[in-house]
PDB file of N, CA and C in Angstrom:
ATOM      1  N   UNK A   1     112.926 140.532  44.449  1.00  0.00           N
ATOM      2  CA  UNK A   1     112.649 139.292  45.156  1.00  0.00           C
ATOM      3  C   UNK A   1     112.725 138.127  44.173  1.00  0.00           C
ATOM      4  N   UNK A   2     113.424 137.079  44.546  1.00  0.00           N
ATOM      5  CA  UNK A   2     113.517 135.884  43.714  1.00  0.00           C
ATOM      6  C   UNK A   2     112.251 135.054  43.854  1.00  0.00           C
ATOM      7  N   UNK A   3     111.996 134.236  42.841  1.00  0.00           N
ATOM      8  CA  UNK A   3     110.826 133.365  42.905  1.00  0.00           C
ATOM      9  C   UNK A   3     110.918 132.383  44.066  1.00  0.00           C
ATOM     10  N   UNK A   4     112.130 132.021  44.430  1.00  0.00           N
ATOM     11  CA  UNK A   4     112.313 131.072  45.531  1.00  0.00           C
ATOM     12  C   UNK A   4     112.224 131.734  46.898  1.00  0.00           C
ATOM     13  N   UNK A   5     112.004 133.053  46.920  1.00  0.00           N
ATOM     14  CA  UNK A   5     111.987 133.794  48.172  1.00  0.00           C
ATOM     15  C   UNK A   5     110.549 134.178  48.512  1.00  0.00           C
ATOM     16  N   UNK A   6     110.006 133.599  49.568  1.00  0.00           N
ATOM     17  CA  UNK A   6     108.632 133.861  49.979  1.00  0.00           C
ATOM     18  C   UNK A   6     108.647 134.449  51.385  1.00  0.00           C
ATOM     19  N   UNK A   7     108.170 135.667  51.517  1.00  0.00           N
ATOM     20  CA  UNK A   7     108.138 136.346  52.824  1.00  0.00           C
ATOM     21  C   UNK A   7     109.494 136.318  53.522  1.00  0.00           C
ATOM     22  N   UNK A   8     110.556 136.536  52.773  1.00  0.00           N
ATOM     23  CA  UNK A   8     111.886 136.593  53.357  1.00  0.00           C
ATOM     24  C   UNK A   8     112.493 135.242  53.684  1.00  0.00           C
ATOM     25  N   UNK A   9     111.819 134.165  53.327  1.00  0.00           N
ATOM     26  CA  UNK A   9     112.333 132.817  53.583  1.00  0.00           C
ATOM     27  C   UNK A   9     112.675 132.172  52.249  1.00  0.00           C
ATOM     28  N   UNK A  10     113.887 131.693  52.122  1.00  0.00           N
ATOM     29  CA  UNK A  10     114.310 131.012  50.913  1.00  0.00           C
ATOM     30  C   UNK A  10     113.692 129.606  50.911  1.00  0.00           C
ATOM     31  N   UNK A  11     112.894 129.314  49.915  1.00  0.00           N
ATOM     32  CA  UNK A  11     112.207 128.022  49.838  1.00  0.00           C
ATOM     33  C   UNK A  11     113.213 126.871  49.860  1.00  0.00           C
ATOM     34  N   UNK A  12     114.407 127.086  49.296  1.00  0.00           N
ATOM     35  CA  UNK A  12     115.427 126.031  49.300  1.00  0.00           C
ATOM     36  C   UNK A  12     115.926 125.695  50.698  1.00  0.00           C
ATOM     37  N   UNK A  13     115.638 126.552  51.667  1.00  0.00           N
ATOM     38  CA  UNK A  13     115.994 126.247  53.051  1.00  0.00           C
ATOM     39  C   UNK A  13     114.970 125.318  53.696  1.00  0.00           C
ATOM     40  N   UNK A  14     113.818 125.142  53.052  1.00  0.00           N
ATOM     41  CA  UNK A  14     112.736 124.343  53.620  1.00  0.00           C
ATOM     42  C   UNK A  14     112.423 123.083  52.828  1.00  0.00           C
ATOM     43  N   UNK A  15     112.679 123.103  51.531  1.00  0.00           N
ATOM     44  CA  UNK A  15     112.385 121.970  50.653  1.00  0.00           C
ATOM     45  C   UNK A  15     113.591 121.749  49.754  1.00  0.00           C
ATOM     46  N   UNK A  16     114.060 120.521  49.714  1.00  0.00           N
ATOM     47  CA  UNK A  16     115.195 120.157  48.859  1.00  0.00           C
ATOM     48  C   UNK A  16     114.929 118.789  48.243  1.00  0.00           C
ATOM     49  N   UNK A  17     115.712 118.457  47.244  1.00  0.00           N
ATOM     50  CA  UNK A  17     115.736 117.088  46.740  1.00  0.00           C
ATOM     51  C   UNK A  17     116.788 116.335  47.549  1.00  0.00           C
ATOM     52  N   UNK A  18     116.625 115.036  47.641  1.00  0.00           N
ATOM     53  CA  UNK A  18     117.584 114.201  48.384  1.00  0.00           C
ATOM     54  C   UNK A  18     119.008 114.486  47.909  1.00  0.00           C
ATOM     55  N   UNK A  19     119.184 114.649  46.607  1.00  0.00           N
ATOM     56  CA  UNK A  19     120.522 114.880  46.050  1.00  0.00           C
ATOM     57  C   UNK A  19     121.129 116.210  46.488  1.00  0.00           C
ATOM     58  N   UNK A  20     120.324 117.129  47.017  1.00  0.00           N
ATOM     59  CA  UNK A  20     120.808 118.444  47.431  1.00  0.00           C
ATOM     60  C   UNK A  20     121.151 118.513  48.922  1.00  0.00           C
ATOM     61  N   UNK A  21     120.869 117.456  49.661  1.00  0.00           N
ATOM     62  CA  UNK A  21     121.137 117.456  51.102  1.00  0.00           C
ATOM     63  C   UNK A  21     122.629 117.357  51.383  1.00  0.00           C
ATOM     64  N   UNK A  22     123.082 117.951  52.488  1.00  0.00           N
ATOM     65  CA  UNK A  22     124.489 117.817  52.874  1.00  0.00           C
ATOM     66  C   UNK A  22     124.846 116.362  53.179  1.00  0.00           C
ATOM     67  N   UNK A  23     126.077 116.008  52.926  1.00  0.00           N
ATOM     68  CA  UNK A  23     126.537 114.626  53.098  1.00  0.00           C
ATOM     69  C   UNK A  23     126.561 114.192  54.562  1.00  0.00           C
ATOM     70  N   UNK A  24     126.549 115.133  55.518  1.00  0.00           N
ATOM     71  CA  UNK A  24     126.646 114.763  56.928  1.00  0.00           C
ATOM     72  C   UNK A  24     125.328 114.266  57.519  1.00  0.00           C
ATOM     73  N   UNK A  25     124.236 114.326  56.756  1.00  0.00           N
ATOM     74  CA  UNK A  25     122.952 113.847  57.268  1.00  0.00           C
ATOM     75  C   UNK A  25     122.866 112.332  57.161  1.00  0.00           C
ATOM     76  N   UNK A  26     122.284 111.710  58.182  1.00  0.00           N
ATOM     77  CA  UNK A  26     122.135 110.244  58.216  1.00  0.00           C
ATOM     78  C   UNK A  26     120.696 109.894  57.880  1.00  0.00           C
ATOM     79  N   UNK A  27     120.516 108.941  56.984  1.00  0.00           N
ATOM     80  CA  UNK A  27     119.181 108.508  56.582  1.00  0.00           C
ATOM     81  C   UNK A  27     118.634 107.509  57.597  1.00  0.00           C
ATOM     82  N   UNK A  28     117.371 107.723  58.026  1.00  0.00           N
ATOM     83  CA  UNK A  28     116.723 106.846  59.005  1.00  0.00           C
ATOM     84  C   UNK A  28     115.411 106.349  58.407  1.00  0.00           C
ATOM     85  N   UNK A  29     115.321 105.030  58.173  1.00  0.00           N
ATOM     86  CA  UNK A  29     114.051 104.455  57.719  1.00  0.00           C
ATOM     87  C   UNK A  29     113.687 103.187  58.490  1.00  0.00           C
ATOM     88  N   UNK A  30     114.458 102.888  59.526  1.00  0.00           N
ATOM     89  CA  UNK A  30     114.184 101.761  60.404  1.00  0.00           C
ATOM     90  C   UNK A  30     112.878 102.029  61.156  1.00  0.00           C
ATOM     91  N   UNK A  31     111.959 101.064  61.143  1.00  0.00           N
ATOM     92  CA  UNK A  31     110.636 101.262  61.758  1.00  0.00           C
ATOM     93  C   UNK A  31     110.718 101.723  63.209  1.00  0.00           C
ATOM     94  N   UNK A  32     111.623 101.130  63.971  1.00  0.00           N
ATOM     95  CA  UNK A  32     111.749 101.484  65.386  1.00  0.00           C
ATOM     96  C   UNK A  32     112.185 102.941  65.549  1.00  0.00           C
ATOM     97  N   UNK A  33     113.229 103.347  64.805  1.00  0.00           N
ATOM     98  CA  UNK A  33     113.731 104.719  64.921  1.00  0.00           C
ATOM     99  C   UNK A  33     112.731 105.736  64.371  1.00  0.00           C
ATOM    100  N   UNK A  34     112.057 105.390  63.293  1.00  0.00           N
ATOM    101  CA  UNK A  34     111.034 106.286  62.735  1.00  0.00           C
ATOM    102  C   UNK A  34     109.918 106.492  63.754  1.00  0.00           C
ATOM    103  N   UNK A  35     109.474 105.410  64.399  1.00  0.00           N
ATOM    104  CA  UNK A  35     108.430 105.520  65.423  1.00  0.00           C
ATOM    105  C   UNK A  35     108.899 106.379  66.591  1.00  0.00           C
ATOM    106  N   UNK A  36     110.144 106.209  66.981  1.00  0.00           N
ATOM    107  CA  UNK A  36     110.701 106.996  68.079  1.00  0.00           C
ATOM    108  C   UNK A  36     110.696 108.486  67.725  1.00  0.00           C
ATOM    109  N   UNK A  37     111.130 108.810  66.512  1.00  0.00           N
ATOM    110  CA  UNK A  37     111.146 110.213  66.068  1.00  0.00           C
ATOM    111  C   UNK A  37     109.732 110.768  66.040  1.00  0.00           C
ATOM    112  N   UNK A  38     108.788 110.002  65.506  1.00  0.00           N
ATOM    113  CA  UNK A  38     107.398 110.466  65.429  1.00  0.00           C
ATOM    114  C   UNK A  38     106.805 110.692  66.818  1.00  0.00           C
ATOM    115  N   UNK A  39     107.166 109.850  67.779  1.00  0.00           N
ATOM    116  CA  UNK A  39     106.664 109.994  69.143  1.00  0.00           C
ATOM    117  C   UNK A  39     107.334 111.158  69.883  1.00  0.00           C
ATOM    118  N   UNK A  40     108.547 111.501  69.479  1.00  0.00           N
ATOM    119  CA  UNK A  40     109.341 112.486  70.204  1.00  0.00           C
ATOM    120  C   UNK A  40     109.226 113.909  69.665  1.00  0.00           C
ATOM    121  N   UNK A  41     108.939 114.058  68.389  1.00  0.00           N
ATOM    122  CA  UNK A  41     108.991 115.374  67.755  1.00  0.00           C
ATOM    123  C   UNK A  41     107.683 115.675  67.041  1.00  0.00           C
ATOM    124  N   UNK A  42     107.099 116.782  67.409  1.00  0.00           N
ATOM    125  CA  UNK A  42     105.878 117.216  66.733  1.00  0.00           C
ATOM    126  C   UNK A  42     106.195 117.497  65.264  1.00  0.00           C
ATOM    127  N   UNK A  43     105.198 117.501  64.448  1.00  0.00           N
ATOM    128  CA  UNK A  43     105.297 117.818  63.014  1.00  0.00           C
ATOM    129  C   UNK A  43     106.019 116.736  62.201  1.00  0.00           C
ATOM    130  N   UNK A  44     106.177 115.527  62.737  1.00  0.00           N
ATOM    131  CA  UNK A  44     106.846 114.477  61.972  1.00  0.00           C
ATOM    132  C   UNK A  44     105.899 113.353  61.561  1.00  0.00           C
ATOM    133  N   UNK A  45     104.647 113.405  62.030  1.00  0.00           N
ATOM    134  CA  UNK A  45     103.711 112.293  61.844  1.00  0.00           C
ATOM    135  C   UNK A  45     103.485 111.925  60.377  1.00  0.00           C
ATOM    136  N   UNK A  46     103.540 112.913  59.484  1.00  0.00           N
ATOM    137  CA  UNK A  46     103.186 112.649  58.086  1.00  0.00           C
ATOM    138  C   UNK A  46     104.331 112.103  57.246  1.00  0.00           C
ATOM    139  N   UNK A  47     105.504 111.905  57.832  1.00  0.00           N
ATOM    140  CA  UNK A  47     106.660 111.421  57.075  1.00  0.00           C
ATOM    141  C   UNK A  47     106.938 109.948  57.374  1.00  0.00           C
ATOM    142  N   UNK A  48     107.541 109.282  56.402  1.00  0.00           N
ATOM    143  CA  UNK A  48     107.841 107.849  56.516  1.00  0.00           C
ATOM    144  C   UNK A  48     109.296 107.576  56.872  1.00  0.00           C
ATOM    145  N   UNK A  49     110.175 108.541  56.614  1.00  0.00           N
ATOM    146  CA  UNK A  49     111.598 108.388  56.897  1.00  0.00           C
ATOM    147  C   UNK A  49     112.200 109.780  57.079  1.00  0.00           C
ATOM    148  N   UNK A  50     113.447 109.804  57.544  1.00  0.00           N
ATOM    149  CA  UNK A  50     114.056 111.082  57.910  1.00  0.00           C
ATOM    150  C   UNK A  50     115.540 111.107  57.565  1.00  0.00           C
ATOM    151  N   UNK A  51     116.049 112.305  57.380  1.00  0.00           N
ATOM    152  CA  UNK A  51     117.477 112.570  57.321  1.00  0.00           C
ATOM    153  C   UNK A  51     117.779 113.410  58.550  1.00  0.00           C
ATOM    154  N   UNK A  52     118.755 112.979  59.351  1.00  0.00           N
ATOM    155  CA  UNK A  52     119.034 113.673  60.610  1.00  0.00           C
ATOM    156  C   UNK A  52     120.518 114.000  60.744  1.00  0.00           C
ATOM    157  N   UNK A  53     120.778 115.020  61.561  1.00  0.00           N
ATOM    158  CA  UNK A  53     122.132 115.375  61.944  1.00  0.00           C
ATOM    159  C   UNK A  53     122.133 115.553  63.450  1.00  0.00           C
ATOM    160  N   UNK A  54     123.052 114.899  64.121  1.00  0.00           N
ATOM    161  CA  UNK A  54     123.159 115.026  65.577  1.00  0.00           C
ATOM    162  C   UNK A  54     124.521 115.609  65.944  1.00  0.00           C
ATOM    163  N   UNK A  55     124.545 116.264  67.090  1.00  0.00           N
ATOM    164  CA  UNK A  55     125.793 116.795  67.623  1.00  0.00           C
ATOM    165  C   UNK A  55     125.736 116.623  69.127  1.00  0.00           C
ATOM    166  N   UNK A  56     126.753 115.999  69.686  1.00  0.00           N
ATOM    167  CA  UNK A  56     126.792 115.726  71.132  1.00  0.00           C
ATOM    168  C   UNK A  56     125.513 115.030  71.604  1.00  0.00           C
ATOM    169  N   UNK A  57     125.068 114.053  70.847  1.00  0.00           N
ATOM    170  CA  UNK A  57     123.884 113.237  71.145  1.00  0.00           C
ATOM    171  C   UNK A  57     122.579 114.030  71.117  1.00  0.00           C
ATOM    172  N   UNK A  58     122.605 115.239  70.581  1.00  0.00           N
ATOM    173  CA  UNK A  58     121.409 116.068  70.452  1.00  0.00           C
ATOM    174  C   UNK A  58     121.056 116.213  68.966  1.00  0.00           C
ATOM    175  N   UNK A  59     119.787 116.165  68.669  1.00  0.00           N
ATOM    176  CA  UNK A  59     119.324 116.343  67.298  1.00  0.00           C
ATOM    177  C   UNK A  59     119.501 117.799  66.903  1.00  0.00           C
ATOM    178  N   UNK A  60     120.252 118.031  65.829  1.00  0.00           N
ATOM    179  CA  UNK A  60     120.535 119.383  65.365  1.00  0.00           C
ATOM    180  C   UNK A  60     119.682 119.758  64.149  1.00  0.00           C
ATOM    181  N   UNK A  61     119.388 118.764  63.319  1.00  0.00           N
ATOM    182  CA  UNK A  61     118.692 119.032  62.060  1.00  0.00           C
ATOM    183  C   UNK A  61     117.907 117.786  61.659  1.00  0.00           C
ATOM    184  N   UNK A  62     116.708 118.001  61.114  1.00  0.00           N
ATOM    185  CA  UNK A  62     115.902 116.868  60.665  1.00  0.00           C
ATOM    186  C   UNK A  62     115.099 117.269  59.433  1.00  0.00           C
ATOM    187  N   UNK A  63     115.079 116.372  58.470  1.00  0.00           N
ATOM    188  CA  UNK A  63     114.313 116.529  57.239  1.00  0.00           C
ATOM    189  C   UNK A  63     113.412 115.318  57.104  1.00  0.00           C
ATOM    190  N   UNK A  64     112.148 115.532  56.768  1.00  0.00           N
ATOM    191  CA  UNK A  64     111.198 114.442  56.595  1.00  0.00           C
ATOM    192  C   UNK A  64     111.013 114.106  55.130  1.00  0.00           C
ATOM    193  N   UNK A  65     110.760 112.817  54.860  1.00  0.00           N
ATOM    194  CA  UNK A  65     110.558 112.351  53.492  1.00  0.00           C
ATOM    195  C   UNK A  65     109.382 111.391  53.449  1.00  0.00           C
ATOM    196  N   UNK A  66     108.604 111.461  52.392  1.00  0.00           N
ATOM    197  CA  UNK A  66     107.532 110.496  52.158  1.00  0.00           C
ATOM    198  C   UNK A  66     108.132 109.284  51.468  1.00  0.00           C
ATOM    199  N   UNK A  67     107.808 108.098  51.965  1.00  0.00           N
ATOM    200  CA  UNK A  67     108.385 106.875  51.422  1.00  0.00           C
ATOM    201  C   UNK A  67     109.649 106.505  52.170  1.00  0.00           C
ATOM    202  N   UNK A  68     110.168 105.321  51.847  1.00  0.00           N
ATOM    203  CA  UNK A  68     111.353 104.826  52.558  1.00  0.00           C
ATOM    204  C   UNK A  68     112.540 104.585  51.637  1.00  0.00           C
ATOM    205  N   UNK A  69     112.415 104.986  50.372  1.00  0.00           N
ATOM    206  CA  UNK A  69     113.497 104.818  49.416  1.00  0.00           C
ATOM    207  C   UNK A  69     114.008 106.199  49.009  1.00  0.00           C
ATOM    208  N   UNK A  70     115.228 106.562  49.419  1.00  0.00           N
ATOM    209  CA  UNK A  70     115.728 107.922  49.209  1.00  0.00           C
ATOM    210  C   UNK A  70     116.256 108.173  47.790  1.00  0.00           C
ATOM    211  N   UNK A  71     115.373 108.124  46.796  1.00  0.00           N
ATOM    212  CA  UNK A  71     115.780 108.423  45.424  1.00  0.00           C
ATOM    213  C   UNK A  71     116.292 109.859  45.344  1.00  0.00           C
ATOM    214  N   UNK A  72     117.279 110.103  44.503  1.00  0.00           N
ATOM    215  CA  UNK A  72     117.917 111.413  44.393  1.00  0.00           C
ATOM    216  C   UNK A  72     116.938 112.538  44.084  1.00  0.00           C
ATOM    217  N   UNK A  73     115.863 112.251  43.351  1.00  0.00           N
ATOM    218  CA  UNK A  73     114.916 113.293  42.947  1.00  0.00           C
ATOM    219  C   UNK A  73     113.719 113.445  43.885  1.00  0.00           C
ATOM    220  N   UNK A  74     113.683 112.671  44.960  1.00  0.00           N
ATOM    221  CA  UNK A  74     112.588 112.817  45.932  1.00  0.00           C
ATOM    222  C   UNK A  74     112.779 114.091  46.730  1.00  0.00           C
ATOM    223  N   UNK A  75     111.656 114.681  47.125  1.00  0.00           N
ATOM    224  CA  UNK A  75     111.709 115.893  47.930  1.00  0.00           C
ATOM    225  C   UNK A  75     111.734 115.558  49.414  1.00  0.00           C
ATOM    226  N   UNK A  76     112.472 116.373  50.161  1.00  0.00           N
ATOM    227  CA  UNK A  76     112.520 116.285  51.618  1.00  0.00           C
ATOM    228  C   UNK A  76     112.148 117.648  52.184  1.00  0.00           C
ATOM    229  N   UNK A  77     111.606 117.641  53.396  1.00  0.00           N
ATOM    230  CA  UNK A  77     111.052 118.845  53.992  1.00  0.00           C
ATOM    231  C   UNK A  77     111.673 119.078  55.358  1.00  0.00           C
ATOM    232  N   UNK A  78     112.224 120.264  55.557  1.00  0.00           N
ATOM    233  CA  UNK A  78     112.877 120.592  56.827  1.00  0.00           C
ATOM    234  C   UNK A  78     111.835 120.714  57.933  1.00  0.00           C
ATOM    235  N   UNK A  79     112.127 120.120  59.056  1.00  0.00           N
ATOM    236  CA  UNK A  79     111.266 120.181  60.230  1.00  0.00           C
ATOM    237  C   UNK A  79     111.955 121.085  61.243  1.00  0.00           C
ATOM    238  N   UNK A  80     111.279 122.152  61.615  1.00  0.00           N
ATOM    239  CA  UNK A  80     111.842 123.111  62.558  1.00  0.00           C
ATOM    240  C   UNK A  80     111.875 122.499  63.946  1.00  0.00           C
ATOM    241  N   UNK A  81     113.040 122.549  64.545  1.00  0.00           N
ATOM    242  CA  UNK A  81     113.216 122.043  65.912  1.00  0.00           C
ATOM    243  C   UNK A  81     113.076 123.195  66.889  1.00  0.00           C
ATOM    244  N   UNK A  82     112.184 123.023  67.854  1.00  0.00           N
ATOM    245  CA  UNK A  82     111.982 124.014  68.905  1.00  0.00           C
ATOM    246  C   UNK A  82     112.131 123.303  70.237  1.00  0.00           C
ATOM    247  N   UNK A  83     112.451 124.036  71.249  1.00  0.00           N
ATOM    248  CA  UNK A  83     112.644 123.425  72.575  1.00  0.00           C
ATOM    249  C   UNK A  83     111.432 122.614  73.003  1.00  0.00           C
ATOM    250  N   UNK A  84     110.235 123.136  72.783  1.00  0.00           N
ATOM    251  CA  UNK A  84     109.044 122.410  73.210  1.00  0.00           C
ATOM    252  C   UNK A  84     108.557 121.443  72.131  1.00  0.00           C
ATOM    253  N   UNK A  85     109.333 121.277  71.083  1.00  0.00           N
ATOM    254  CA  UNK A  85     108.972 120.405  69.972  1.00  0.00           C
ATOM    255  C   UNK A  85     109.365 118.958  70.262  1.00  0.00           C
ATOM    256  N   UNK A  86     110.212 118.768  71.256  1.00  0.00           N
ATOM    257  CA  UNK A  86     110.748 117.440  71.509  1.00  0.00           C
ATOM    258  C   UNK A  86     110.226 116.902  72.824  1.00  0.00           C
TER     259      UNK A  86
END
């Protein structure tokens, strides 16, 4: 078992640095959009900004970040999307 592997889950699948995120994610730090995301998706209240990926107008992937300045070394946290999560 690797150190990054906890209970069969690769930690890198849940926590990354901004510099490690895929290029297709869009950064969202606009107050209106951040409020909308926080109101719409559980488990997002503690984040200040987000990286999102949409497909066919549906949210496919979301990562939360503390702060509103996406420095390359800042950590982001994957938010699991569930049907009843939205």
